[in-house]
Amino acid sequence: MSPSFIVIEGLEGAGKSSAISQLTSFIANKGHDVICTREPGGTPMSEAIRECVKHDWNERVTEETELLLMYAARSQLVENVIKPALESGTWVIGDRHDWSTIAYQGGGRGIQLEKLGALRSMTLGNFTPDLSIYLDVEPSIGLQRARGRGELDRIELAGLGFFERARTSYKELVATHSNAIEINAMQTMDKVQSDLIEKLNEWYARTQADIKVGMG
């Protein structure tokens, strides 16, 4: 079975860390080598860009600057880590990818999707995840959880309206992509985990079945 690139997406406080841990165990238990990445970040340069993005600068950070930084970090990660790992037979689990930019900078900040599309085409080409898992949470609940973790960063302080628009974008992405799973992250942790494993088993079995059909 060819290695896959699987991405966990969601608003702040959606429970991505727990889902990533569970997904990592799921893939490893299937006998596959697996690594985890995060965005922005994942390489020395991308981690430096992450600090730039999240830092509360004593100046206005324009929407365009934020967008360009996101794609610069993503390009470094995809070319230096994700693609080489997949080529070597290693599965990759991503903590965020391109959907985060569509939701946050597109939906949240209001940047035109045409501009995002041009940057995505230039930096990613046709590269896309094999599976996107969206953890859905109401922004007010997610932000409350995020505050419980400690001090919020610059993006987490964007306001409720920002995250409501981002959630709408995420919902639209799930509805228009067949290789996407949505999990209700407002349930108990046990229920979220059981739903995730159920969906993963269905996806994995379907993927294996498609491979067998292709080989036949």
N, C-alpha and C. Protein backbone atom coordinates (compact mmCIF):
# COMPACT_ATOMS: atom_id res chain seq x y z
N MET A 1 0.84 -1.19 0.00
CA MET A 1 0.00 0.00 0.00
C MET A 1 0.88 1.24 0.00
N SER A 2 0.65 2.15 -0.93
CA SER A 2 1.43 3.37 -1.01
C SER A 2 1.20 4.24 0.22
N PRO A 3 2.23 4.96 0.67
CA PRO A 3 2.06 5.83 1.83
C PRO A 3 1.10 6.97 1.53
N SER A 4 0.42 7.44 2.55
CA SER A 4 -0.55 8.52 2.39
C SER A 4 -0.18 9.73 3.23
N PHE A 5 -0.63 10.88 2.78
CA PHE A 5 -0.50 12.13 3.51
C PHE A 5 -1.88 12.46 4.07
N ILE A 6 -2.01 12.41 5.39
CA ILE A 6 -3.29 12.64 6.06
C ILE A 6 -3.17 13.90 6.91
N VAL A 7 -4.16 14.78 6.79
CA VAL A 7 -4.11 16.07 7.49
C VAL A 7 -5.27 16.18 8.48
N ILE A 8 -4.96 16.68 9.66
CA ILE A 8 -5.96 17.01 10.67
C ILE A 8 -6.18 18.52 10.64
N GLU A 9 -7.43 18.93 10.44
CA GLU A 9 -7.77 20.35 10.38
C GLU A 9 -8.81 20.69 11.45
N GLY A 10 -8.90 21.98 11.78
CA GLY A 10 -9.92 22.41 12.73
C GLY A 10 -9.56 23.74 13.37
N LEU A 11 -10.53 24.34 14.02
CA LEU A 11 -10.31 25.61 14.71
C LEU A 11 -9.50 25.38 15.98
N GLU A 12 -9.11 26.48 16.62
CA GLU A 12 -8.41 26.38 17.89
C GLU A 12 -9.33 25.65 18.88
N GLY A 13 -8.74 24.76 19.67
CA GLY A 13 -9.51 24.04 20.68
C GLY A 13 -10.33 22.90 20.16
N ALA A 14 -10.09 22.49 18.91
CA ALA A 14 -10.88 21.39 18.33
C ALA A 14 -10.39 20.02 18.79
N GLY A 15 -9.18 19.96 19.37
CA GLY A 15 -8.66 18.68 19.83
C GLY A 15 -7.75 18.01 18.83
N LYS A 16 -7.05 18.80 18.02
CA LYS A 16 -6.18 18.23 16.99
C LYS A 16 -5.06 17.36 17.57
N SER A 17 -4.47 17.80 18.67
CA SER A 17 -3.35 17.05 19.25
C SER A 17 -3.75 15.64 19.64
N SER A 18 -4.91 15.50 20.27
CA SER A 18 -5.40 14.18 20.66
C SER A 18 -5.68 13.33 19.43
N ALA A 19 -6.28 13.95 18.41
CA ALA A 19 -6.60 13.21 17.18
C ALA A 19 -5.33 12.75 16.47
N ILE A 20 -4.31 13.60 16.46
CA ILE A 20 -3.05 13.25 15.81
C ILE A 20 -2.40 12.07 16.53
N SER A 21 -2.42 12.09 17.84
CA SER A 21 -1.86 10.98 18.61
C SER A 21 -2.59 9.68 18.29
N GLN A 22 -3.90 9.75 18.22
CA GLN A 22 -4.70 8.57 17.92
C GLN A 22 -4.45 8.09 16.49
N LEU A 23 -4.37 9.02 15.57
CA LEU A 23 -4.13 8.68 14.16
C LEU A 23 -2.74 8.06 13.98
N THR A 24 -1.75 8.60 14.68
CA THR A 24 -0.40 8.06 14.60
C THR A 24 -0.38 6.60 15.04
N SER A 25 -1.06 6.31 16.14
CA SER A 25 -1.12 4.93 16.63
C SER A 25 -1.85 4.04 15.65
N PHE A 26 -2.91 4.55 15.05
CA PHE A 26 -3.69 3.78 14.07
C PHE A 26 -2.81 3.36 12.89
N ILE A 27 -2.06 4.31 12.34
CA ILE A 27 -1.21 4.03 11.18
C ILE A 27 -0.07 3.08 11.56
N ALA A 28 0.56 3.34 12.71
CA ALA A 28 1.66 2.49 13.16
C ALA A 28 1.19 1.06 13.39
N ASN A 29 -0.02 0.90 13.94
CA ASN A 29 -0.56 -0.43 14.20
C ASN A 29 -0.89 -1.19 12.91
N LYS A 30 -1.01 -0.45 11.82
CA LYS A 30 -1.21 -1.10 10.52
C LYS A 30 0.12 -1.55 9.91
N GLY A 31 1.22 -1.27 10.62
CA GLY A 31 2.52 -1.70 10.15
C GLY A 31 3.26 -0.71 9.28
N HIS A 32 2.83 0.56 9.30
CA HIS A 32 3.45 1.58 8.45
C HIS A 32 4.36 2.49 9.26
N ASP A 33 5.46 2.92 8.65
CA ASP A 33 6.29 3.98 9.24
C ASP A 33 5.52 5.29 9.10
N VAL A 34 5.60 6.14 10.11
CA VAL A 34 4.82 7.37 10.07
C VAL A 34 5.57 8.50 10.78
N ILE A 35 5.47 9.71 10.24
CA ILE A 35 5.99 10.91 10.89
C ILE A 35 4.88 11.95 10.97
N CYS A 36 5.04 12.91 11.88
CA CYS A 36 4.06 13.98 12.04
C CYS A 36 4.71 15.33 11.74
N THR A 37 3.96 16.20 11.10
CA THR A 37 4.44 17.55 10.82
C THR A 37 3.41 18.56 11.33
N ARG A 38 3.80 19.81 11.40
CA ARG A 38 2.85 20.85 11.78
C ARG A 38 3.05 22.06 10.89
N GLU A 39 1.96 22.83 10.73
CA GLU A 39 2.02 24.05 9.93
C GLU A 39 1.43 25.23 10.70
N PRO A 40 2.05 26.40 10.54
CA PRO A 40 3.36 26.57 9.91
C PRO A 40 4.44 25.97 10.80
N GLY A 41 5.50 25.47 10.19
CA GLY A 41 6.59 24.85 10.93
C GLY A 41 7.09 23.60 10.24
N GLY A 42 7.87 22.81 10.97
CA GLY A 42 8.30 21.53 10.46
C GLY A 42 9.69 21.47 9.86
N THR A 43 10.29 22.63 9.56
CA THR A 43 11.69 22.72 9.14
C THR A 43 12.29 23.91 9.90
N PRO A 44 13.62 24.04 9.96
CA PRO A 44 14.20 25.19 10.67
C PRO A 44 13.67 26.54 10.16
N MET A 45 13.61 26.71 8.84
CA MET A 45 13.11 27.98 8.31
C MET A 45 11.62 28.14 8.59
N SER A 46 10.86 27.07 8.42
CA SER A 46 9.41 27.14 8.64
C SER A 46 9.07 27.42 10.10
N GLU A 47 9.88 26.89 11.03
CA GLU A 47 9.65 27.18 12.44
C GLU A 47 9.93 28.66 12.75
N ALA A 48 10.94 29.22 12.08
CA ALA A 48 11.22 30.64 12.25
C ALA A 48 10.06 31.48 11.72
N ILE A 49 9.50 31.05 10.59
CA ILE A 49 8.34 31.74 10.03
C ILE A 49 7.15 31.62 10.97
N ARG A 50 6.99 30.46 11.60
CA ARG A 50 5.90 30.25 12.57
C ARG A 50 5.96 31.29 13.68
N GLU A 51 7.16 31.54 14.18
CA GLU A 51 7.32 32.55 15.23
C GLU A 51 6.92 33.93 14.73
N CYS A 52 7.26 34.23 13.48
CA CYS A 52 6.88 35.52 12.88
C CYS A 52 5.36 35.65 12.80
N VAL A 53 4.71 34.56 12.39
CA VAL A 53 3.25 34.58 12.21
C VAL A 53 2.53 34.77 13.54
N LYS A 54 3.00 34.08 14.57
CA LYS A 54 2.28 34.08 15.84
C LYS A 54 2.65 35.24 16.77
N HIS A 55 3.80 35.86 16.52
CA HIS A 55 4.28 36.93 17.40
C HIS A 55 3.36 38.15 17.32
N ASP A 56 3.16 38.80 18.45
CA ASP A 56 2.35 40.01 18.51
C ASP A 56 3.27 41.21 18.27
N TRP A 57 3.45 41.55 16.98
CA TRP A 57 4.37 42.61 16.61
C TRP A 57 3.83 43.99 16.99
N ASN A 58 4.74 44.93 17.21
CA ASN A 58 4.35 46.31 17.52
C ASN A 58 4.13 47.08 16.22
N GLU A 59 3.41 46.47 15.33
CA GLU A 59 3.04 47.08 14.05
C GLU A 59 1.91 46.25 13.47
N ARG A 60 1.21 46.79 12.52
CA ARG A 60 0.13 46.06 11.89
C ARG A 60 0.69 45.03 10.92
N VAL A 61 0.32 43.77 11.13
CA VAL A 61 0.68 42.71 10.20
C VAL A 61 -0.42 42.63 9.15
N THR A 62 -0.11 42.94 7.91
CA THR A 62 -1.15 42.96 6.89
C THR A 62 -1.60 41.55 6.56
N GLU A 63 -2.81 41.45 6.05
CA GLU A 63 -3.35 40.15 5.66
C GLU A 63 -2.48 39.49 4.59
N GLU A 64 -1.96 40.31 3.67
CA GLU A 64 -1.12 39.79 2.60
C GLU A 64 0.20 39.24 3.13
N THR A 65 0.80 39.93 4.11
CA THR A 65 2.04 39.44 4.72
C THR A 65 1.82 38.09 5.38
N GLU A 66 0.74 37.99 6.15
CA GLU A 66 0.42 36.73 6.83
C GLU A 66 0.23 35.60 5.83
N LEU A 67 -0.47 35.89 4.75
CA LEU A 67 -0.73 34.88 3.72
C LEU A 67 0.57 34.40 3.07
N LEU A 68 1.43 35.34 2.70
CA LEU A 68 2.69 34.97 2.05
C LEU A 68 3.59 34.15 2.99
N LEU A 69 3.59 34.49 4.26
CA LEU A 69 4.38 33.73 5.22
C LEU A 69 3.87 32.30 5.33
N MET A 70 2.57 32.12 5.32
CA MET A 70 1.98 30.78 5.41
C MET A 70 2.44 29.90 4.25
N TYR A 71 2.38 30.44 3.04
CA TYR A 71 2.76 29.63 1.89
C TYR A 71 4.27 29.45 1.79
N ALA A 72 5.05 30.40 2.28
CA ALA A 72 6.50 30.22 2.30
C ALA A 72 6.87 29.06 3.23
N ALA A 73 6.26 29.03 4.41
CA ALA A 73 6.52 27.94 5.36
C ALA A 73 6.04 26.61 4.80
N ARG A 74 4.90 26.62 4.16
CA ARG A 74 4.32 25.38 3.60
C ARG A 74 5.20 24.83 2.48
N SER A 75 5.69 25.70 1.62
CA SER A 75 6.54 25.26 0.53
C SER A 75 7.79 24.58 1.05
N GLN A 76 8.42 25.17 2.07
CA GLN A 76 9.62 24.57 2.66
C GLN A 76 9.32 23.19 3.24
N LEU A 77 8.19 23.07 3.93
CA LEU A 77 7.83 21.80 4.57
C LEU A 77 7.52 20.72 3.54
N VAL A 78 6.73 21.05 2.55
CA VAL A 78 6.34 20.06 1.54
C VAL A 78 7.55 19.54 0.78
N GLU A 79 8.42 20.45 0.34
CA GLU A 79 9.54 20.05 -0.49
C GLU A 79 10.67 19.38 0.29
N ASN A 80 10.85 19.78 1.55
CA ASN A 80 11.99 19.26 2.31
C ASN A 80 11.65 18.11 3.25
N VAL A 81 10.39 17.94 3.57
CA VAL A 81 10.00 16.90 4.53
C VAL A 81 8.93 15.97 4.00
N ILE A 82 7.78 16.52 3.60
CA ILE A 82 6.62 15.68 3.28
C ILE A 82 6.87 14.83 2.03
N LYS A 83 7.24 15.47 0.94
CA LYS A 83 7.46 14.70 -0.30
C LYS A 83 8.58 13.66 -0.15
N PRO A 84 9.73 14.02 0.43
CA PRO A 84 10.77 13.00 0.61
C PRO A 84 10.31 11.83 1.48
N ALA A 85 9.53 12.11 2.52
CA ALA A 85 9.03 11.03 3.38
C ALA A 85 8.12 10.09 2.59
N LEU A 86 7.19 10.65 1.84
CA LEU A 86 6.27 9.82 1.04
C LEU A 86 7.04 9.00 0.01
N GLU A 87 8.04 9.60 -0.61
CA GLU A 87 8.84 8.89 -1.61
C GLU A 87 9.64 7.74 -1.00
N SER A 88 9.95 7.85 0.29
CA SER A 88 10.70 6.79 0.97
C SER A 88 9.80 5.72 1.56
N GLY A 89 8.47 5.89 1.39
CA GLY A 89 7.53 4.90 1.90
C GLY A 89 6.96 5.20 3.27
N THR A 90 7.22 6.40 3.78
CA THR A 90 6.74 6.79 5.11
C THR A 90 5.44 7.58 5.01
N TRP A 91 4.49 7.22 5.85
CA TRP A 91 3.23 7.96 5.92
C TRP A 91 3.48 9.28 6.64
N VAL A 92 2.69 10.30 6.30
CA VAL A 92 2.84 11.62 6.92
C VAL A 92 1.49 12.08 7.47
N ILE A 93 1.50 12.49 8.73
CA ILE A 93 0.31 13.07 9.35
C ILE A 93 0.59 14.56 9.58
N GLY A 94 -0.24 15.40 8.99
CA GLY A 94 -0.04 16.84 9.08
C GLY A 94 -0.99 17.51 10.06
N ASP A 95 -0.42 18.29 10.97
CA ASP A 95 -1.20 19.15 11.85
C ASP A 95 -1.40 20.45 11.08
N ARG A 96 -2.48 20.51 10.32
CA ARG A 96 -2.86 21.60 9.42
C ARG A 96 -2.14 21.49 8.08
N HIS A 97 -2.80 22.02 7.06
CA HIS A 97 -2.20 22.14 5.72
C HIS A 97 -2.95 23.27 5.01
N ASP A 98 -3.20 23.12 3.73
CA ASP A 98 -3.72 24.22 2.91
C ASP A 98 -5.12 24.67 3.31
N TRP A 99 -5.93 23.74 3.82
CA TRP A 99 -7.28 24.14 4.23
C TRP A 99 -7.25 25.21 5.31
N SER A 100 -6.25 25.16 6.17
CA SER A 100 -6.15 26.18 7.23
C SER A 100 -6.01 27.57 6.63
N THR A 101 -5.25 27.69 5.56
CA THR A 101 -5.08 28.99 4.92
C THR A 101 -6.37 29.42 4.24
N ILE A 102 -7.05 28.48 3.58
CA ILE A 102 -8.33 28.82 2.94
C ILE A 102 -9.34 29.29 3.99
N ALA A 103 -9.36 28.60 5.14
CA ALA A 103 -10.32 28.94 6.19
C ALA A 103 -9.93 30.20 6.95
N TYR A 104 -8.66 30.30 7.34
CA TYR A 104 -8.23 31.42 8.19
C TYR A 104 -7.95 32.69 7.40
N GLN A 105 -7.08 32.58 6.40
CA GLN A 105 -6.76 33.79 5.62
C GLN A 105 -7.85 34.10 4.58
N GLY A 106 -8.48 33.06 4.04
CA GLY A 106 -9.57 33.28 3.10
C GLY A 106 -10.85 33.66 3.80
N GLY A 107 -11.42 32.72 4.55
CA GLY A 107 -12.67 32.99 5.25
C GLY A 107 -12.52 34.00 6.36
N GLY A 108 -11.55 33.78 7.24
CA GLY A 108 -11.38 34.66 8.40
C GLY A 108 -10.94 36.06 8.05
N ARG A 109 -9.87 36.18 7.26
CA ARG A 109 -9.33 37.50 6.92
C ARG A 109 -10.04 38.13 5.72
N GLY A 110 -10.71 37.31 4.93
CA GLY A 110 -11.44 37.86 3.79
C GLY A 110 -10.61 38.04 2.54
N ILE A 111 -9.46 37.37 2.44
CA ILE A 111 -8.65 37.46 1.23
C ILE A 111 -9.34 36.66 0.12
N GLN A 112 -9.34 37.21 -1.09
CA GLN A 112 -10.01 36.56 -2.20
C GLN A 112 -9.40 35.19 -2.49
N LEU A 113 -10.28 34.22 -2.74
CA LEU A 113 -9.81 32.86 -3.00
C LEU A 113 -8.96 32.77 -4.27
N GLU A 114 -9.17 33.71 -5.21
CA GLU A 114 -8.34 33.72 -6.42
C GLU A 114 -6.88 33.96 -6.07
N LYS A 115 -6.63 34.84 -5.10
CA LYS A 115 -5.25 35.11 -4.68
C LYS A 115 -4.65 33.89 -4.00
N LEU A 116 -5.44 33.24 -3.17
CA LEU A 116 -4.96 32.02 -2.52
C LEU A 116 -4.66 30.95 -3.55
N GLY A 117 -5.53 30.84 -4.54
CA GLY A 117 -5.35 29.83 -5.57
C GLY A 117 -4.07 30.04 -6.36
N ALA A 118 -3.74 31.29 -6.64
CA ALA A 118 -2.51 31.58 -7.39
C ALA A 118 -1.28 31.17 -6.59
N LEU A 119 -1.28 31.49 -5.29
CA LEU A 119 -0.15 31.12 -4.45
C LEU A 119 -0.07 29.60 -4.27
N ARG A 120 -1.21 28.97 -4.11
CA ARG A 120 -1.23 27.51 -3.95
C ARG A 120 -0.69 26.84 -5.21
N SER A 121 -1.09 27.32 -6.37
CA SER A 121 -0.61 26.76 -7.62
C SER A 121 0.91 26.91 -7.76
N MET A 122 1.42 28.06 -7.34
CA MET A 122 2.85 28.33 -7.47
C MET A 122 3.67 27.49 -6.50
N THR A 123 3.19 27.31 -5.26
CA THR A 123 3.98 26.64 -4.24
C THR A 123 3.70 25.14 -4.12
N LEU A 124 2.48 24.71 -4.42
CA LEU A 124 2.11 23.31 -4.21
C LEU A 124 1.83 22.55 -5.50
N GLY A 125 1.50 23.27 -6.57
CA GLY A 125 1.13 22.59 -7.81
C GLY A 125 -0.10 21.73 -7.60
N ASN A 126 -0.01 20.45 -7.96
CA ASN A 126 -1.14 19.53 -7.80
C ASN A 126 -1.05 18.71 -6.52
N PHE A 127 -0.12 19.05 -5.64
CA PHE A 127 0.06 18.27 -4.42
C PHE A 127 -1.07 18.52 -3.43
N THR A 128 -1.76 17.46 -3.03
CA THR A 128 -2.88 17.56 -2.08
C THR A 128 -2.84 16.37 -1.13
N PRO A 129 -3.45 16.48 0.04
CA PRO A 129 -3.53 15.34 0.97
C PRO A 129 -4.37 14.20 0.39
N ASP A 130 -4.06 12.99 0.83
CA ASP A 130 -4.88 11.84 0.45
C ASP A 130 -6.16 11.80 1.27
N LEU A 131 -6.12 12.38 2.47
CA LEU A 131 -7.29 12.43 3.34
C LEU A 131 -7.18 13.66 4.24
N SER A 132 -8.29 14.40 4.34
CA SER A 132 -8.37 15.53 5.27
C SER A 132 -9.43 15.22 6.32
N ILE A 133 -9.05 15.34 7.58
CA ILE A 133 -9.97 15.08 8.69
C ILE A 133 -10.24 16.42 9.38
N TYR A 134 -11.50 16.85 9.33
CA TYR A 134 -11.88 18.13 9.92
C TYR A 134 -12.61 17.88 11.24
N LEU A 135 -12.07 18.44 12.31
CA LEU A 135 -12.69 18.35 13.64
C LEU A 135 -13.53 19.60 13.85
N ASP A 136 -14.84 19.44 13.87
CA ASP A 136 -15.75 20.58 13.93
C ASP A 136 -16.08 20.97 15.37
N VAL A 137 -15.87 22.24 15.69
CA VAL A 137 -16.22 22.76 17.01
C VAL A 137 -16.75 24.18 16.85
N GLU A 138 -17.74 24.53 17.64
CA GLU A 138 -18.24 25.90 17.64
C GLU A 138 -17.12 26.82 18.14
N PRO A 139 -16.92 27.95 17.47
CA PRO A 139 -15.81 28.84 17.83
C PRO A 139 -15.78 29.23 19.31
N SER A 140 -16.94 29.52 19.90
CA SER A 140 -16.96 29.93 21.31
C SER A 140 -16.44 28.82 22.22
N ILE A 141 -16.79 27.58 21.89
CA ILE A 141 -16.32 26.44 22.68
C ILE A 141 -14.83 26.22 22.46
N GLY A 142 -14.41 26.29 21.20
CA GLY A 142 -13.00 26.10 20.89
C GLY A 142 -12.11 27.14 21.55
N LEU A 143 -12.52 28.40 21.51
CA LEU A 143 -11.72 29.46 22.11
C LEU A 143 -11.66 29.32 23.63
N GLN A 144 -12.76 28.87 24.22
CA GLN A 144 -12.76 28.64 25.66
C GLN A 144 -11.75 27.55 26.02
N ARG A 145 -11.70 26.50 25.22
CA ARG A 145 -10.72 25.45 25.45
C ARG A 145 -9.29 25.99 25.27
N ALA A 146 -9.10 26.81 24.21
CA ALA A 146 -7.77 27.36 23.93
C ALA A 146 -7.30 28.25 25.09
N ARG A 147 -8.22 29.03 25.65
CA ARG A 147 -7.84 29.89 26.79
C ARG A 147 -7.42 29.05 27.98
N GLY A 148 -8.02 27.89 28.11
CA GLY A 148 -7.67 27.00 29.21
C GLY A 148 -6.26 26.46 29.11
N ARG A 149 -5.70 26.50 27.89
CA ARG A 149 -4.33 26.03 27.68
C ARG A 149 -3.30 27.09 28.07
N GLY A 150 -3.73 28.34 28.18
CA GLY A 150 -2.80 29.41 28.52
C GLY A 150 -3.03 30.64 27.66
N GLU A 151 -2.02 31.50 27.58
CA GLU A 151 -2.12 32.77 26.86
C GLU A 151 -2.31 32.52 25.37
N LEU A 152 -3.23 33.29 24.76
CA LEU A 152 -3.52 33.14 23.34
C LEU A 152 -2.50 33.89 22.49
N ASP A 153 -2.21 33.34 21.28
CA ASP A 153 -1.28 34.02 20.38
C ASP A 153 -2.04 35.02 19.50
N ARG A 154 -1.32 35.67 18.58
CA ARG A 154 -1.90 36.74 17.78
C ARG A 154 -3.10 36.27 16.96
N ILE A 155 -3.01 35.10 16.35
CA ILE A 155 -4.11 34.61 15.53
C ILE A 155 -5.29 34.17 16.40
N GLU A 156 -5.00 33.55 17.54
CA GLU A 156 -6.08 33.12 18.43
C GLU A 156 -6.85 34.30 19.00
N LEU A 157 -6.25 35.49 18.96
CA LEU A 157 -6.90 36.71 19.47
C LEU A 157 -7.70 37.44 18.38
N ALA A 158 -7.88 36.79 17.23
CA ALA A 158 -8.52 37.46 16.09
C ALA A 158 -10.00 37.78 16.33
N GLY A 159 -10.64 37.12 17.28
CA GLY A 159 -12.03 37.43 17.58
C GLY A 159 -12.99 36.36 17.11
N LEU A 160 -14.17 36.35 17.73
CA LEU A 160 -15.16 35.31 17.47
C LEU A 160 -15.63 35.32 16.02
N GLY A 161 -15.85 36.51 15.46
CA GLY A 161 -16.33 36.61 14.08
C GLY A 161 -15.36 35.99 13.10
N PHE A 162 -14.07 36.18 13.34
CA PHE A 162 -13.03 35.58 12.50
C PHE A 162 -13.18 34.07 12.46
N PHE A 163 -13.34 33.46 13.62
CA PHE A 163 -13.42 32.00 13.69
C PHE A 163 -14.76 31.46 13.19
N GLU A 164 -15.79 32.26 13.30
CA GLU A 164 -17.07 31.84 12.73
C GLU A 164 -16.98 31.78 11.21
N ARG A 165 -16.31 32.77 10.61
CA ARG A 165 -16.12 32.76 9.16
C ARG A 165 -15.20 31.61 8.74
N ALA A 166 -14.18 31.36 9.55
CA ALA A 166 -13.27 30.25 9.25
C ALA A 166 -14.00 28.92 9.30
N ARG A 167 -14.89 28.77 10.28
CA ARG A 167 -15.66 27.52 10.40
C ARG A 167 -16.54 27.32 9.17
N THR A 168 -17.16 28.38 8.70
CA THR A 168 -17.99 28.29 7.50
C THR A 168 -17.16 27.81 6.31
N SER A 169 -15.96 28.33 6.18
CA SER A 169 -15.07 27.91 5.09
C SER A 169 -14.72 26.43 5.20
N TYR A 170 -14.41 25.99 6.40
CA TYR A 170 -14.10 24.58 6.62
C TYR A 170 -15.28 23.69 6.20
N LYS A 171 -16.46 24.09 6.60
CA LYS A 171 -17.67 23.31 6.27
C LYS A 171 -17.84 23.20 4.76
N GLU A 172 -17.59 24.30 4.06
CA GLU A 172 -17.72 24.30 2.60
C GLU A 172 -16.68 23.39 1.97
N LEU A 173 -15.48 23.36 2.51
CA LEU A 173 -14.42 22.51 1.98
C LEU A 173 -14.77 21.03 2.14
N VAL A 174 -15.27 20.67 3.32
CA VAL A 174 -15.66 19.28 3.56
C VAL A 174 -16.76 18.86 2.59
N ALA A 175 -17.71 19.76 2.38
CA ALA A 175 -18.87 19.44 1.52
C ALA A 175 -18.48 19.26 0.06
N THR A 176 -17.35 19.82 -0.35
CA THR A 176 -16.98 19.79 -1.77
C THR A 176 -15.78 18.88 -2.06
N HIS A 177 -15.33 18.12 -1.06
CA HIS A 177 -14.21 17.20 -1.27
C HIS A 177 -14.60 15.79 -0.83
N SER A 178 -14.41 14.85 -1.73
CA SER A 178 -14.78 13.47 -1.43
C SER A 178 -13.78 12.80 -0.49
N ASN A 179 -12.54 13.28 -0.48
CA ASN A 179 -11.52 12.67 0.39
C ASN A 179 -11.42 13.43 1.71
N ALA A 180 -12.58 13.65 2.34
CA ALA A 180 -12.64 14.41 3.59
C ALA A 180 -13.57 13.72 4.58
N ILE A 181 -13.22 13.83 5.85
CA ILE A 181 -14.02 13.28 6.95
C ILE A 181 -14.29 14.41 7.93
N GLU A 182 -15.53 14.52 8.39
CA GLU A 182 -15.85 15.49 9.43
C GLU A 182 -16.22 14.76 10.71
N ILE A 183 -15.63 15.21 11.81
CA ILE A 183 -15.90 14.63 13.13
C ILE A 183 -16.46 15.72 14.03
N ASN A 184 -17.54 15.42 14.74
CA ASN A 184 -18.10 16.36 15.70
C ASN A 184 -17.21 16.39 16.94
N ALA A 185 -16.42 17.45 17.07
CA ALA A 185 -15.45 17.55 18.16
C ALA A 185 -16.05 18.17 19.42
N MET A 186 -17.37 18.37 19.43
CA MET A 186 -18.02 18.91 20.62
C MET A 186 -18.59 17.80 21.50
N GLN A 187 -18.38 16.55 21.09
CA GLN A 187 -18.82 15.41 21.87
C GLN A 187 -17.79 15.12 22.97
N THR A 188 -18.07 14.10 23.78
CA THR A 188 -17.08 13.69 24.77
C THR A 188 -15.84 13.18 24.05
N MET A 189 -14.71 13.20 24.73
CA MET A 189 -13.47 12.76 24.11
C MET A 189 -13.56 11.31 23.66
N ASP A 190 -14.19 10.46 24.47
CA ASP A 190 -14.34 9.05 24.11
C ASP A 190 -15.13 8.89 22.82
N LYS A 191 -16.21 9.70 22.68
CA LYS A 191 -17.05 9.60 21.48
C LYS A 191 -16.30 10.14 20.26
N VAL A 192 -15.56 11.20 20.43
CA VAL A 192 -14.76 11.75 19.32
C VAL A 192 -13.75 10.71 18.86
N GLN A 193 -13.09 10.06 19.81
CA GLN A 193 -12.08 9.06 19.47
C GLN A 193 -12.70 7.85 18.78
N SER A 194 -13.85 7.39 19.27
CA SER A 194 -14.49 6.23 18.66
C SER A 194 -14.99 6.56 17.25
N ASP A 195 -15.52 7.77 17.06
CA ASP A 195 -15.96 8.20 15.72
C ASP A 195 -14.78 8.27 14.76
N LEU A 196 -13.66 8.78 15.26
CA LEU A 196 -12.48 8.91 14.42
C LEU A 196 -11.96 7.54 13.98
N ILE A 197 -11.87 6.60 14.91
CA ILE A 197 -11.40 5.25 14.57
C ILE A 197 -12.34 4.57 13.59
N GLU A 198 -13.64 4.75 13.79
CA GLU A 198 -14.62 4.16 12.88
C GLU A 198 -14.43 4.69 11.46
N LYS A 199 -14.30 6.01 11.34
CA LYS A 199 -14.13 6.62 10.02
C LYS A 199 -12.80 6.22 9.39
N LEU A 200 -11.76 6.12 10.20
CA LEU A 200 -10.45 5.73 9.68
C LEU A 200 -10.47 4.30 9.16
N ASN A 201 -11.12 3.42 9.90
CA ASN A 201 -11.22 2.03 9.45
C ASN A 201 -11.96 1.93 8.12
N GLU A 202 -13.04 2.72 7.98
CA GLU A 202 -13.80 2.72 6.73
C GLU A 202 -12.92 3.22 5.58
N TRP A 203 -12.20 4.31 5.83
CA TRP A 203 -11.35 4.88 4.79
C TRP A 203 -10.23 3.92 4.41
N TYR A 204 -9.58 3.32 5.40
CA TYR A 204 -8.47 2.41 5.15
C TYR A 204 -8.93 1.20 4.36
N ALA A 205 -10.07 0.63 4.73
CA ALA A 205 -10.60 -0.53 4.02
C ALA A 205 -10.96 -0.17 2.59
N ARG A 206 -11.55 1.01 2.41
CA ARG A 206 -11.93 1.47 1.06
C ARG A 206 -10.70 1.69 0.20
N THR A 207 -9.64 2.25 0.79
CA THR A 207 -8.40 2.50 0.05
C THR A 207 -7.76 1.19 -0.39
N GLN A 208 -7.74 0.22 0.49
CA GLN A 208 -7.18 -1.08 0.15
C GLN A 208 -7.99 -1.75 -0.94
N ALA A 209 -9.32 -1.61 -0.86
CA ALA A 209 -10.19 -2.20 -1.88
C ALA A 209 -9.93 -1.57 -3.25
N ASP A 210 -9.73 -0.25 -3.26
CA ASP A 210 -9.44 0.45 -4.53
C ASP A 210 -8.13 -0.04 -5.13
N ILE A 211 -7.14 -0.30 -4.26
CA ILE A 211 -5.84 -0.78 -4.74
C ILE A 211 -5.99 -2.17 -5.38
N LYS A 212 -6.77 -3.04 -4.73
CA LYS A 212 -6.97 -4.38 -5.25
C LYS A 212 -7.68 -4.35 -6.60
N VAL A 213 -8.66 -3.45 -6.72
CA VAL A 213 -9.37 -3.30 -7.99
C VAL A 213 -8.41 -2.84 -9.07
N GLY A 214 -7.54 -1.89 -8.72
CA GLY A 214 -6.58 -1.37 -9.70
C GLY A 214 -5.58 -2.44 -10.13
N MET A 215 -5.21 -3.32 -9.19
CA MET A 215 -4.26 -4.37 -9.51
C MET A 215 -4.92 -5.49 -10.32
N GLY A 216 -6.24 -5.64 -10.10
CA GLY A 216 -6.95 -6.70 -10.80
C GLY A 216 -7.18 -6.37 -12.26
